[in-house]
Amino acid sequence: MPYAAVAEKLKSVPDCYMEEVSEFIDFLLFRSREEAPKNGLDEAIAEVERGEVEVYHSFDDFKAAMA
């Protein structure tokens, strides 16, 4: 939706609700920053930080762990 359409809708909101509209917009902006989509690298870094990654010193060690 173009900004002009949103601006027109805002003109029709009674003044007594403008504080609530402003708070809702603030909430949406906060949520959009907090829930930014993660790419594969971001997910991998998060897994390492949470300790969900196992490290093997050789491929043979890996194969033995998978058996």
PDB file of N, CA and C in Angstrom:
ATOM      1  N   MET A   1       0.853  -1.168   0.000  1.00  0.00           N
ATOM      2  CA  MET A   1       0.000   0.000   0.000  1.00  0.00           C
ATOM      3  C   MET A   1       0.901   1.233   0.000  1.00  0.00           C
ATOM      4  N   PRO A   2       0.656   2.141  -0.923  1.00  0.00           N
ATOM      5  CA  PRO A   2       1.475   3.361  -0.992  1.00  0.00           C
ATOM      6  C   PRO A   2       1.307   4.232   0.257  1.00  0.00           C
ATOM      7  N   TYR A   3       2.361   4.986   0.580  1.00  0.00           N
ATOM      8  CA  TYR A   3       2.322   5.874   1.746  1.00  0.00           C
ATOM      9  C   TYR A   3       1.177   6.874   1.652  1.00  0.00           C
ATOM     10  N   ALA A   4       0.871   7.330   0.452  1.00  0.00           N
ATOM     11  CA  ALA A   4      -0.205   8.314   0.287  1.00  0.00           C
ATOM     12  C   ALA A   4      -1.536   7.740   0.766  1.00  0.00           C
ATOM     13  N   ALA A   5      -1.780   6.475   0.489  1.00  0.00           N
ATOM     14  CA  ALA A   5      -3.024   5.848   0.926  1.00  0.00           C
ATOM     15  C   ALA A   5      -3.078   5.754   2.449  1.00  0.00           C
ATOM     16  N   VAL A   6      -1.944   5.429   3.054  1.00  0.00           N
ATOM     17  CA  VAL A   6      -1.881   5.355   4.516  1.00  0.00           C
ATOM     18  C   VAL A   6      -2.087   6.748   5.112  1.00  0.00           C
ATOM     19  N   ALA A   7      -1.463   7.747   4.510  1.00  0.00           N
ATOM     20  CA  ALA A   7      -1.613   9.123   4.996  1.00  0.00           C
ATOM     21  C   ALA A   7      -3.075   9.556   4.931  1.00  0.00           C
ATOM     22  N   GLU A   8      -3.767   9.191   3.883  1.00  0.00           N
ATOM     23  CA  GLU A   8      -5.189   9.529   3.758  1.00  0.00           C
ATOM     24  C   GLU A   8      -6.006   8.847   4.846  1.00  0.00           C
ATOM     25  N   LYS A   9      -5.706   7.605   5.128  1.00  0.00           N
ATOM     26  CA  LYS A   9      -6.418   6.905   6.193  1.00  0.00           C
ATOM     27  C   LYS A   9      -6.158   7.550   7.545  1.00  0.00           C
ATOM     28  N   LEU A  10      -4.911   7.969   7.774  1.00  0.00           N
ATOM     29  CA  LEU A  10      -4.582   8.619   9.042  1.00  0.00           C
ATOM     30  C   LEU A  10      -5.376   9.902   9.240  1.00  0.00           C
ATOM     31  N   LYS A  11      -5.669  10.603   8.167  1.00  0.00           N
ATOM     32  CA  LYS A  11      -6.457  11.839   8.261  1.00  0.00           C
ATOM     33  C   LYS A  11      -7.863  11.566   8.791  1.00  0.00           C
ATOM     34  N   SER A  12      -8.348  10.349   8.572  1.00  0.00           N
ATOM     35  CA  SER A  12      -9.718  10.040   8.998  1.00  0.00           C
ATOM     36  C   SER A  12      -9.784   9.490  10.429  1.00  0.00           C
ATOM     37  N   VAL A  13      -8.627   9.246  11.050  1.00  0.00           N
ATOM     38  CA  VAL A  13      -8.603   8.740  12.427  1.00  0.00           C
ATOM     39  C   VAL A  13      -8.856   9.909  13.380  1.00  0.00           C
ATOM     40  N   PRO A  14      -9.816   9.756  14.293  1.00  0.00           N
ATOM     41  CA  PRO A  14     -10.071  10.836  15.259  1.00  0.00           C
ATOM     42  C   PRO A  14      -8.834  11.113  16.116  1.00  0.00           C
ATOM     43  N   ASP A  15      -8.662  12.382  16.484  1.00  0.00           N
ATOM     44  CA  ASP A  15      -7.492  12.799  17.268  1.00  0.00           C
ATOM     45  C   ASP A  15      -7.334  11.998  18.551  1.00  0.00           C
ATOM     46  N   CYS A  16      -8.423  11.593  19.148  1.00  0.00           N
ATOM     47  CA  CYS A  16      -8.328  10.877  20.419  1.00  0.00           C
ATOM     48  C   CYS A  16      -7.666   9.505  20.265  1.00  0.00           C
ATOM     49  N   TYR A  17      -7.518   9.015  19.033  1.00  0.00           N
ATOM     50  CA  TYR A  17      -6.874   7.717  18.797  1.00  0.00           C
ATOM     51  C   TYR A  17      -5.463   7.833  18.240  1.00  0.00           C
ATOM     52  N   MET A  18      -4.994   9.053  18.005  1.00  0.00           N
ATOM     53  CA  MET A  18      -3.698   9.220  17.358  1.00  0.00           C
ATOM     54  C   MET A  18      -2.539   8.693  18.213  1.00  0.00           C
ATOM     55  N   GLU A  19      -2.619   8.824  19.533  1.00  0.00           N
ATOM     56  CA  GLU A  19      -1.570   8.290  20.399  1.00  0.00           C
ATOM     57  C   GLU A  19      -1.501   6.772  20.245  1.00  0.00           C
ATOM     58  N   GLU A  20      -2.649   6.125  20.194  1.00  0.00           N
ATOM     59  CA  GLU A  20      -2.695   4.667  20.024  1.00  0.00           C
ATOM     60  C   GLU A  20      -2.137   4.262  18.663  1.00  0.00           C
ATOM     61  N   VAL A  21      -2.459   5.001  17.628  1.00  0.00           N
ATOM     62  CA  VAL A  21      -1.931   4.724  16.292  1.00  0.00           C
ATOM     63  C   VAL A  21      -0.413   4.877  16.295  1.00  0.00           C
ATOM     64  N   SER A  22       0.079   5.912  16.934  1.00  0.00           N
ATOM     65  CA  SER A  22       1.522   6.141  17.008  1.00  0.00           C
ATOM     66  C   SER A  22       2.221   5.003  17.747  1.00  0.00           C
ATOM     67  N   GLU A  23       1.638   4.558  18.858  1.00  0.00           N
ATOM     68  CA  GLU A  23       2.219   3.455  19.612  1.00  0.00           C
ATOM     69  C   GLU A  23       2.219   2.161  18.791  1.00  0.00           C
ATOM     70  N   PHE A  24       1.160   1.955  18.016  1.00  0.00           N
ATOM     71  CA  PHE A  24       1.091   0.760  17.176  1.00  0.00           C
ATOM     72  C   PHE A  24       2.164   0.796  16.097  1.00  0.00           C
ATOM     73  N   ILE A  25       2.370   1.955  15.507  1.00  0.00           N
ATOM     74  CA  ILE A  25       3.424   2.084  14.491  1.00  0.00           C
ATOM     75  C   ILE A  25       4.787   1.822  15.125  1.00  0.00           C
ATOM     76  N   ASP A  26       5.012   2.353  16.338  1.00  0.00           N
ATOM     77  CA  ASP A  26       6.262   2.086  17.047  1.00  0.00           C
ATOM     78  C   ASP A  26       6.444   0.591  17.274  1.00  0.00           C
ATOM     79  N   PHE A  27       5.364  -0.090  17.659  1.00  0.00           N
ATOM     80  CA  PHE A  27       5.414  -1.534  17.871  1.00  0.00           C
ATOM     81  C   PHE A  27       5.785  -2.265  16.582  1.00  0.00           C
ATOM     82  N   LEU A  28       5.174  -1.885  15.478  1.00  0.00           N
ATOM     83  CA  LEU A  28       5.472  -2.526  14.194  1.00  0.00           C
ATOM     84  C   LEU A  28       6.933  -2.314  13.803  1.00  0.00           C
ATOM     85  N   LEU A  29       7.436  -1.127  14.031  1.00  0.00           N
ATOM     86  CA  LEU A  29       8.843  -0.853  13.714  1.00  0.00           C
ATOM     87  C   LEU A  29       9.764  -1.673  14.597  1.00  0.00           C
ATOM     88  N   PHE A  30       9.444  -1.782  15.877  1.00  0.00           N
ATOM     89  CA  PHE A  30      10.240  -2.598  16.803  1.00  0.00           C
ATOM     90  C   PHE A  30      10.219  -4.058  16.366  1.00  0.00           C
ATOM     91  N   ARG A  31       9.035  -4.567  16.073  1.00  0.00           N
ATOM     92  CA  ARG A  31       8.899  -5.968  15.680  1.00  0.00           C
ATOM     93  C   ARG A  31       9.649  -6.261  14.391  1.00  0.00           C
ATOM     94  N   SER A  32       9.617  -5.335  13.460  1.00  0.00           N
ATOM     95  CA  SER A  32      10.308  -5.577  12.186  1.00  0.00           C
ATOM     96  C   SER A  32      11.817  -5.640  12.383  1.00  0.00           C
ATOM     97  N   ARG A  33      12.353  -4.903  13.371  1.00  0.00           N
ATOM     98  CA  ARG A  33      13.782  -4.974  13.652  1.00  0.00           C
ATOM     99  C   ARG A  33      14.126  -6.269  14.387  1.00  0.00           C
ATOM    100  N   GLU A  34      13.261  -6.695  15.289  1.00  0.00           N
ATOM    101  CA  GLU A  34      13.519  -7.888  16.085  1.00  0.00           C
ATOM    102  C   GLU A  34      13.360  -9.171  15.282  1.00  0.00           C
ATOM    103  N   GLU A  35      12.478  -9.160  14.321  1.00  0.00           N
ATOM    104  CA  GLU A  35      12.178 -10.372  13.577  1.00  0.00           C
ATOM    105  C   GLU A  35      12.753 -10.350  12.165  1.00  0.00           C
ATOM    106  N   ALA A  36      13.878  -9.697  12.020  1.00  0.00           N
ATOM    107  CA  ALA A  36      14.498  -9.650  10.699  1.00  0.00           C
ATOM    108  C   ALA A  36      14.803 -11.073  10.244  1.00  0.00           C
ATOM    109  N   PRO A  37      14.458 -11.372   9.008  1.00  0.00           N
ATOM    110  CA  PRO A  37      14.717 -12.735   8.532  1.00  0.00           C
ATOM    111  C   PRO A  37      16.196 -13.072   8.598  1.00  0.00           C
ATOM    112  N   LYS A  38      16.479 -14.283   8.993  1.00  0.00           N
ATOM    113  CA  LYS A  38      17.859 -14.727   9.083  1.00  0.00           C
ATOM    114  C   LYS A  38      18.222 -15.538   7.848  1.00  0.00           C
ATOM    115  N   ASN A  39      19.454 -15.365   7.404  1.00  0.00           N
ATOM    116  CA  ASN A  39      19.935 -16.188   6.300  1.00  0.00           C
ATOM    117  C   ASN A  39      20.645 -17.408   6.888  1.00  0.00           C
ATOM    118  N   GLY A  40      21.127 -18.275   6.048  1.00  0.00           N
ATOM    119  CA  GLY A  40      21.771 -19.501   6.498  1.00  0.00           C
ATOM    120  C   GLY A  40      22.986 -19.255   7.378  1.00  0.00           C
ATOM    121  N   LEU A  41      23.753 -18.232   7.056  1.00  0.00           N
ATOM    122  CA  LEU A  41      24.935 -17.921   7.859  1.00  0.00           C
ATOM    123  C   LEU A  41      24.528 -17.464   9.261  1.00  0.00           C
ATOM    124  N   ASP A  42      23.492 -16.614   9.345  1.00  0.00           N
ATOM    125  CA  ASP A  42      23.005 -16.168  10.650  1.00  0.00           C
ATOM    126  C   ASP A  42      22.544 -17.357  11.488  1.00  0.00           C
ATOM    127  N   GLU A  43      21.844 -18.303  10.872  1.00  0.00           N
ATOM    128  CA  GLU A  43      21.379 -19.490  11.595  1.00  0.00           C
ATOM    129  C   GLU A  43      22.565 -20.329  12.071  1.00  0.00           C
ATOM    130  N   ALA A  44      23.577 -20.482  11.220  1.00  0.00           N
ATOM    131  CA  ALA A  44      24.753 -21.274  11.591  1.00  0.00           C
ATOM    132  C   ALA A  44      25.490 -20.632  12.766  1.00  0.00           C
ATOM    133  N   ILE A  45      25.640 -19.326  12.743  1.00  0.00           N
ATOM    134  CA  ILE A  45      26.302 -18.625  13.842  1.00  0.00           C
ATOM    135  C   ILE A  45      25.510 -18.804  15.131  1.00  0.00           C
ATOM    136  N   ALA A  46      24.183 -18.712  15.049  1.00  0.00           N
ATOM    137  CA  ALA A  46      23.339 -18.895  16.230  1.00  0.00           C
ATOM    138  C   ALA A  46      23.483 -20.312  16.785  1.00  0.00           C
ATOM    139  N   GLU A  47      23.585 -21.316  15.908  1.00  0.00           N
ATOM    140  CA  GLU A  47      23.763 -22.695  16.360  1.00  0.00           C
ATOM    141  C   GLU A  47      25.090 -22.859  17.101  1.00  0.00           C
ATOM    142  N   VAL A  48      26.145 -22.246  16.589  1.00  0.00           N
ATOM    143  CA  VAL A  48      27.451 -22.306  17.255  1.00  0.00           C
ATOM    144  C   VAL A  48      27.359 -21.633  18.625  1.00  0.00           C
ATOM    145  N   GLU A  49      26.719 -20.470  18.675  1.00  0.00           N
ATOM    146  CA  GLU A  49      26.595 -19.744  19.939  1.00  0.00           C
ATOM    147  C   GLU A  49      25.796 -20.525  20.976  1.00  0.00           C
ATOM    148  N   ARG A  50      24.819 -21.313  20.517  1.00  0.00           N
ATOM    149  CA  ARG A  50      24.010 -22.120  21.440  1.00  0.00           C
ATOM    150  C   ARG A  50      24.686 -23.442  21.777  1.00  0.00           C
ATOM    151  N   GLY A  51      25.844 -23.710  21.191  1.00  0.00           N
ATOM    152  CA  GLY A  51      26.565 -24.950  21.461  1.00  0.00           C
ATOM    153  C   GLY A  51      25.961 -26.167  20.796  1.00  0.00           C
ATOM    154  N   GLU A  52      25.282 -25.975  19.683  1.00  0.00           N
ATOM    155  CA  GLU A  52      24.613 -27.066  18.992  1.00  0.00           C
ATOM    156  C   GLU A  52      25.471 -27.697  17.890  1.00  0.00           C
ATOM    157  N   VAL A  53      26.720 -27.313  17.801  1.00  0.00           N
ATOM    158  CA  VAL A  53      27.590 -27.799  16.738  1.00  0.00           C
ATOM    159  C   VAL A  53      28.618 -28.763  17.327  1.00  0.00           C
ATOM    160  N   GLU A  54      28.742 -29.919  16.724  1.00  0.00           N
ATOM    161  CA  GLU A  54      29.753 -30.885  17.146  1.00  0.00           C
ATOM    162  C   GLU A  54      30.945 -30.791  16.204  1.00  0.00           C
ATOM    163  N   VAL A  55      32.135 -30.869  16.766  1.00  0.00           N
ATOM    164  CA  VAL A  55      33.359 -30.785  15.974  1.00  0.00           C
ATOM    165  C   VAL A  55      34.066 -32.127  16.033  1.00  0.00           C
ATOM    166  N   TYR A  56      34.476 -32.610  14.876  1.00  0.00           N
ATOM    167  CA  TYR A  56      35.206 -33.870  14.777  1.00  0.00           C
ATOM    168  C   TYR A  56      36.601 -33.569  14.244  1.00  0.00           C
ATOM    169  N   HIS A  57      37.578 -34.280  14.781  1.00  0.00           N
ATOM    170  CA  HIS A  57      38.957 -34.018  14.396  1.00  0.00           C
ATOM    171  C   HIS A  57      39.345 -34.696  13.085  1.00  0.00           C
ATOM    172  N   SER A  58      38.542 -35.653  12.667  1.00  0.00           N
ATOM    173  CA  SER A  58      38.813 -36.311  11.384  1.00  0.00           C
ATOM    174  C   SER A  58      37.502 -36.867  10.845  1.00  0.00           C
ATOM    175  N   PHE A  59      37.530 -37.216   9.580  1.00  0.00           N
ATOM    176  CA  PHE A  59      36.349 -37.819   8.967  1.00  0.00           C
ATOM    177  C   PHE A  59      36.069 -39.182   9.593  1.00  0.00           C
ATOM    178  N   ASP A  60      37.107 -39.880   9.965  1.00  0.00           N
ATOM    179  CA  ASP A  60      36.929 -41.183  10.624  1.00  0.00           C
ATOM    180  C   ASP A  60      36.205 -41.009  11.959  1.00  0.00           C
ATOM    181  N   ASP A  61      36.552 -39.978  12.722  1.00  0.00           N
ATOM    182  CA  ASP A  61      35.850 -39.694  13.971  1.00  0.00           C
ATOM    183  C   ASP A  61      34.362 -39.404  13.695  1.00  0.00           C
ATOM    184  N   PHE A  62      34.105 -38.659  12.645  1.00  0.00           N
ATOM    185  CA  PHE A  62      32.727 -38.357  12.265  1.00  0.00           C
ATOM    186  C   PHE A  62      31.970 -39.639  11.928  1.00  0.00           C
ATOM    187  N   LYS A  63      32.581 -40.470  11.101  1.00  0.00           N
ATOM    188  CA  LYS A  63      31.931 -41.738  10.711  1.00  0.00           C
ATOM    189  C   LYS A  63      31.660 -42.600  11.939  1.00  0.00           C
ATOM    190  N   ALA A  64      32.600 -42.647  12.862  1.00  0.00           N
ATOM    191  CA  ALA A  64      32.420 -43.457  14.066  1.00  0.00           C
ATOM    192  C   ALA A  64      31.256 -42.929  14.905  1.00  0.00           C
ATOM    193  N   ALA A  65      31.097 -41.631  14.958  1.00  0.00           N
ATOM    194  CA  ALA A  65      30.003 -41.025  15.734  1.00  0.00           C
ATOM    195  C   ALA A  65      28.658 -41.289  15.069  1.00  0.00           C
ATOM    196  N   MET A  66      28.642 -41.443  13.774  1.00  0.00           N
ATOM    197  CA  MET A  66      27.393 -41.658  13.044  1.00  0.00           C
ATOM    198  C   MET A  66      26.966 -43.126  13.061  1.00  0.00           C
ATOM    199  N   ALA A  67      27.873 -44.013  13.418  1.00  0.00           N
ATOM    200  CA  ALA A  67      27.561 -45.454  13.410  1.00  0.00           C
ATOM    201  C   ALA A  67      26.690 -45.853  14.559  1.00  0.00           C
TER     202      ALA A  67
END
